[in-house]
Amino acid sequence: MATYTVSILPSALGQLAEVPRHDQKRIEERIDGLAAHSRPPGVKKLKGESDLFRLRSGNYRIIYSIEDVRLMVLVISVGHRRDVYRGL
């Protein structure tokens, strides 16, 4: 199994910084896990978006894209489930 490089957009880092500390740790672990498993159990492809995926972490969602050719995962957005889909 190939290992992916995980990159996080600066805007997503800012969003992660606004999340309560106890939730941040869990979200960071989920993001780190994307290096080994870019499509872990529970991941869903977003409807209407050609290459975006959603990963749950409690009440928070991690929105990311996968480039299989380059073995790269790009985290686009991190936020509460009620807000994270706005502006995608």
C-alpha atoms as a PDB file:
ATOM      1  CA  MET A   1       0.000   0.000   0.000  1.00  0.00           C
ATOM      2  CA  ALA A   2       1.355   3.408  -0.987  1.00  0.00           C
ATOM      3  CA  THR A   3       1.750   6.257   1.456  1.00  0.00           C
ATOM      4  CA  TYR A   4       0.166   9.554   0.483  1.00  0.00           C
ATOM      5  CA  THR A   5       1.533  13.018   1.206  1.00  0.00           C
ATOM      6  CA  VAL A   6      -0.992  15.040   3.204  1.00  0.00           C
ATOM      7  CA  SER A   7      -1.106  18.822   2.675  1.00  0.00           C
ATOM      8  CA  ILE A   8      -3.427  21.245   4.427  1.00  0.00           C
ATOM      9  CA  LEU A   9      -4.485  24.557   2.908  1.00  0.00           C
ATOM     10  CA  PRO A  10      -3.660  27.585   5.088  1.00  0.00           C
ATOM     11  CA  SER A  11      -7.378  28.391   5.293  1.00  0.00           C
ATOM     12  CA  ALA A  12      -8.070  24.888   6.649  1.00  0.00           C
ATOM     13  CA  LEU A  13      -5.317  25.342   9.251  1.00  0.00           C
ATOM     14  CA  GLY A  14      -7.051  28.532  10.388  1.00  0.00           C
ATOM     15  CA  GLN A  15     -10.370  26.709  10.605  1.00  0.00           C
ATOM     16  CA  LEU A  16      -8.749  23.915  12.626  1.00  0.00           C
ATOM     17  CA  ALA A  17      -7.301  26.473  15.056  1.00  0.00           C
ATOM     18  CA  GLU A  18     -10.852  27.681  15.824  1.00  0.00           C
ATOM     19  CA  VAL A  19     -12.047  24.194  16.805  1.00  0.00           C
ATOM     20  CA  PRO A  20     -12.127  23.399  20.566  1.00  0.00           C
ATOM     21  CA  ARG A  21      -8.835  21.841  21.719  1.00  0.00           C
ATOM     22  CA  HIS A  22     -10.217  18.396  22.624  1.00  0.00           C
ATOM     23  CA  ASP A  23     -11.746  18.088  19.148  1.00  0.00           C
ATOM     24  CA  GLN A  24      -8.571  19.362  17.443  1.00  0.00           C
ATOM     25  CA  LYS A  25      -6.569  16.350  18.598  1.00  0.00           C
ATOM     26  CA  ARG A  26      -9.124  13.902  17.215  1.00  0.00           C
ATOM     27  CA  ILE A  27      -9.323  15.786  13.894  1.00  0.00           C
ATOM     28  CA  GLU A  28      -5.517  15.910  13.598  1.00  0.00           C
ATOM     29  CA  GLU A  29      -5.348  12.148  14.139  1.00  0.00           C
ATOM     30  CA  ARG A  30      -7.924  11.602  11.375  1.00  0.00           C
ATOM     31  CA  ILE A  31      -5.965  13.870   9.005  1.00  0.00           C
ATOM     32  CA  ASP A  32      -2.693  12.081   9.817  1.00  0.00           C
ATOM     33  CA  GLY A  33      -4.402   8.755   9.105  1.00  0.00           C
ATOM     34  CA  LEU A  34      -5.150   9.878   5.541  1.00  0.00           C
ATOM     35  CA  ALA A  35      -1.476   9.327   4.663  1.00  0.00           C
ATOM     36  CA  ALA A  36      -1.872   5.570   5.067  1.00  0.00           C
ATOM     37  CA  HIS A  37      -5.546   5.252   4.060  1.00  0.00           C
ATOM     38  CA  SER A  38      -6.769   7.988   1.710  1.00  0.00           C
ATOM     39  CA  ARG A  39     -10.237   6.416   1.674  1.00  0.00           C
ATOM     40  CA  PRO A  40     -10.795   5.118   5.220  1.00  0.00           C
ATOM     41  CA  PRO A  41     -14.027   3.429   6.324  1.00  0.00           C
ATOM     42  CA  GLY A  42     -16.835   5.969   6.570  1.00  0.00           C
ATOM     43  CA  VAL A  43     -15.500   8.368   3.948  1.00  0.00           C
ATOM     44  CA  LYS A  44     -18.060   9.700   1.480  1.00  0.00           C
ATOM     45  CA  LYS A  45     -17.671  11.330  -1.908  1.00  0.00           C
ATOM     46  CA  LEU A  46     -19.481  14.668  -1.987  1.00  0.00           C
ATOM     47  CA  LYS A  47     -22.344  14.851  -4.460  1.00  0.00           C
ATOM     48  CA  GLY A  48     -22.001  17.519  -7.108  1.00  0.00           C
ATOM     49  CA  GLU A  49     -18.259  17.806  -6.532  1.00  0.00           C
ATOM     50  CA  SER A  50     -16.012  15.926  -8.914  1.00  0.00           C
ATOM     51  CA  ASP A  51     -13.191  15.045  -6.557  1.00  0.00           C
ATOM     52  CA  LEU A  52     -14.071  16.037  -2.988  1.00  0.00           C
ATOM     53  CA  PHE A  53     -14.462  13.649  -0.086  1.00  0.00           C
ATOM     54  CA  ARG A  54     -15.876  14.046   3.423  1.00  0.00           C
ATOM     55  CA  LEU A  55     -14.544  12.419   6.566  1.00  0.00           C
ATOM     56  CA  ARG A  56     -16.394  12.627   9.882  1.00  0.00           C
ATOM     57  CA  SER A  57     -14.779  13.363  13.212  1.00  0.00           C
ATOM     58  CA  GLY A  58     -17.524  13.764  15.795  1.00  0.00           C
ATOM     59  CA  ASN A  59     -19.559  16.862  14.883  1.00  0.00           C
ATOM     60  CA  TYR A  60     -16.759  18.081  12.623  1.00  0.00           C
ATOM     61  CA  ARG A  61     -16.056  17.312   8.987  1.00  0.00           C
ATOM     62  CA  ILE A  62     -12.821  17.189   7.025  1.00  0.00           C
ATOM     63  CA  ILE A  63     -13.243  18.019   3.336  1.00  0.00           C
ATOM     64  CA  TYR A  64     -10.384  16.892   1.115  1.00  0.00           C
ATOM     65  CA  SER A  65      -9.369  15.896  -2.394  1.00  0.00           C
ATOM     66  CA  ILE A  66      -7.249  12.959  -3.504  1.00  0.00           C
ATOM     67  CA  GLU A  67      -4.727  12.916  -6.348  1.00  0.00           C
ATOM     68  CA  ASP A  68      -3.982   9.231  -6.817  1.00  0.00           C
ATOM     69  CA  VAL A  69      -1.444   9.828  -9.588  1.00  0.00           C
ATOM     70  CA  ARG A  70       0.690  12.078  -7.342  1.00  0.00           C
ATOM     71  CA  LEU A  71      -0.159  10.155  -4.132  1.00  0.00           C
ATOM     72  CA  MET A  72      -1.358  13.375  -2.522  1.00  0.00           C
ATOM     73  CA  VAL A  73      -4.236  14.271  -0.193  1.00  0.00           C
ATOM     74  CA  LEU A  74      -5.148  17.958   0.081  1.00  0.00           C
ATOM     75  CA  VAL A  75      -7.276  19.040   3.061  1.00  0.00           C
ATOM     76  CA  ILE A  76      -9.487  21.877   1.824  1.00  0.00           C
ATOM     77  CA  SER A  77     -11.745  22.623   4.766  1.00  0.00           C
ATOM     78  CA  VAL A  78     -12.284  21.666   8.416  1.00  0.00           C
ATOM     79  CA  GLY A  79     -15.373  22.738  10.303  1.00  0.00           C
ATOM     80  CA  HIS A  80     -18.559  21.987  12.172  1.00  0.00           C
ATOM     81  CA  ARG A  81     -21.026  19.884  10.215  1.00  0.00           C
ATOM     82  CA  ARG A  82     -23.546  22.740   9.952  1.00  0.00           C
ATOM     83  CA  ASP A  83     -21.036  25.202   8.415  1.00  0.00           C
ATOM     84  CA  VAL A  84     -18.341  23.257   6.560  1.00  0.00           C
ATOM     85  CA  TYR A  85     -20.197  22.796   3.264  1.00  0.00           C
ATOM     86  CA  ARG A  86     -20.871  26.497   2.706  1.00  0.00           C
ATOM     87  CA  GLY A  87     -18.766  28.052  -0.008  1.00  0.00           C
ATOM     88  CA  LEU A  88     -17.328  24.858  -1.468  1.00  0.00           C
END
